[in-house]
Protein backbone atom coordinates (compact mmCIF):
# COMPACT_ATOMS: atom_id res chain seq x y z
CA UNK A 1 1.45 5.28 -12.77
CA UNK A 2 5.10 4.93 -12.72
CA UNK A 3 7.00 1.99 -11.07
CA UNK A 4 8.05 4.28 -8.12
CA UNK A 5 4.51 5.61 -7.78
CA UNK A 6 3.17 1.97 -7.56
CA UNK A 7 5.42 1.13 -4.70
CA UNK A 8 4.48 4.40 -2.83
CA UNK A 9 0.88 3.41 -3.19
CA UNK A 10 1.52 -0.15 -2.02
CA UNK A 11 3.55 1.21 1.09
CA UNK A 12 0.74 3.64 1.89
CA UNK A 13 -1.67 0.89 1.61
CA UNK A 14 0.35 -1.35 4.10
CA UNK A 15 0.72 1.56 6.65
CA UNK A 16 -2.88 2.79 6.44
CA UNK A 17 -4.58 -0.64 6.44
CA UNK A 18 -2.32 -3.02 8.43
CA UNK A 19 -0.54 -0.95 10.96
CA UNK A 20 -3.70 0.89 11.90
CA UNK A 21 -5.46 -2.55 12.28
CA UNK A 22 -8.32 -1.66 10.07
CA UNK A 23 -8.42 -4.67 8.21
CA UNK A 24 -7.41 -8.35 8.37
CA UNK A 25 -5.08 -8.96 5.35
CA UNK A 26 -5.71 -12.66 5.37
CA UNK A 27 -9.36 -12.51 4.79
CA UNK A 28 -9.15 -9.35 2.57
CA UNK A 29 -9.84 -9.46 -1.14
CA UNK A 30 -7.48 -7.86 -3.81
CA UNK A 31 -7.05 -4.15 -2.92
CA UNK A 32 -4.25 -3.09 -5.28
CA UNK A 33 -3.95 -3.74 -9.08
CA UNK A 34 -0.77 -2.82 -10.73
CA UNK A 35 -0.97 -2.97 -14.55
CA UNK A 36 2.39 -2.80 -16.42
CA UNK A 37 2.87 -2.46 -20.11
CA UNK A 38 4.82 -5.63 -20.61
CA UNK A 39 5.63 -9.02 -18.99
CA UNK A 40 9.29 -8.18 -18.09
CA UNK A 41 8.15 -5.16 -16.10
CA UNK A 42 5.47 -7.19 -14.50
CA UNK A 43 7.81 -9.84 -13.33
CA UNK A 44 10.31 -7.31 -12.09
CA UNK A 45 7.55 -5.41 -10.23
CA UNK A 46 6.33 -8.72 -8.68
CA UNK A 47 9.68 -9.66 -7.42
CA UNK A 48 10.26 -6.32 -5.86
CA UNK A 49 6.74 -6.56 -4.33
CA UNK A 50 7.48 -9.87 -2.79
CA UNK A 51 10.70 -8.37 -1.18
CA UNK A 52 8.60 -5.34 0.03
CA UNK A 53 5.82 -7.68 1.47
CA UNK A 54 8.30 -10.35 2.80
CA UNK A 55 7.66 -9.50 6.50
CA UNK A 56 4.09 -8.35 6.03
CA UNK A 57 0.87 -10.61 5.96
CA UNK A 58 -0.03 -9.39 2.51
CA UNK A 59 0.35 -11.45 -0.55
CA UNK A 60 0.84 -10.43 -4.25
CA UNK A 61 0.13 -12.61 -7.42
CA UNK A 62 1.52 -12.14 -10.79
CA UNK A 63 -0.90 -12.61 -13.73
CA UNK A 64 0.80 -12.22 -17.18
CA UNK A 65 -0.74 -14.73 -19.55
CA UNK A 66 1.14 -17.16 -21.58
CA UNK A 67 1.27 -19.51 -18.69
CA UNK A 68 -1.05 -22.29 -17.24
CA UNK A 69 -4.44 -20.62 -16.75
CA UNK A 70 -5.28 -23.16 -13.91
CA UNK A 71 -2.15 -22.09 -12.03
CA UNK A 72 -3.10 -18.40 -12.42
CA UNK A 73 -6.74 -19.08 -11.26
CA UNK A 74 -5.31 -20.92 -8.08
CA UNK A 75 -2.98 -18.18 -7.42
CA UNK A 76 -5.95 -15.82 -7.23
CA UNK A 77 -7.80 -18.05 -4.85
CA UNK A 78 -5.00 -17.81 -2.40
CA UNK A 79 -6.30 -14.30 -1.31
CA UNK A 80 -3.71 -12.13 -2.80
CA UNK A 81 -4.07 -8.48 -1.65
CA UNK A 82 -1.99 -7.03 -4.60
CA UNK A 83 -2.25 -8.26 -8.22
CA UNK A 84 0.48 -7.37 -10.74
CA UNK A 85 -0.60 -7.84 -14.45
CA UNK A 86 -0.38 -6.86 -17.99
CA UNK A 87 -3.27 -5.33 -20.04
CA UNK A 88 -3.56 -8.59 -22.14
CA UNK A 89 -3.23 -11.38 -19.44
């Protein structure tokens, strides 16, 4: 799935689930997983996602490895709806 396709999917998710009031995003578990081939693309994707979700109640988390594992575990516990990661996190 390409970078642009991933954002179309996330946008569709927001419209479908949030605007139609089918789910409560605060209590929802991760729903979208975006896997990128490298850390740089994962960081760029996550940055753009944060801008996209800025005025929405959805949260995204970045899991790329090479960082404090406890911090990444804590980020997952914050009820992220979208996870951006690399294959070898």
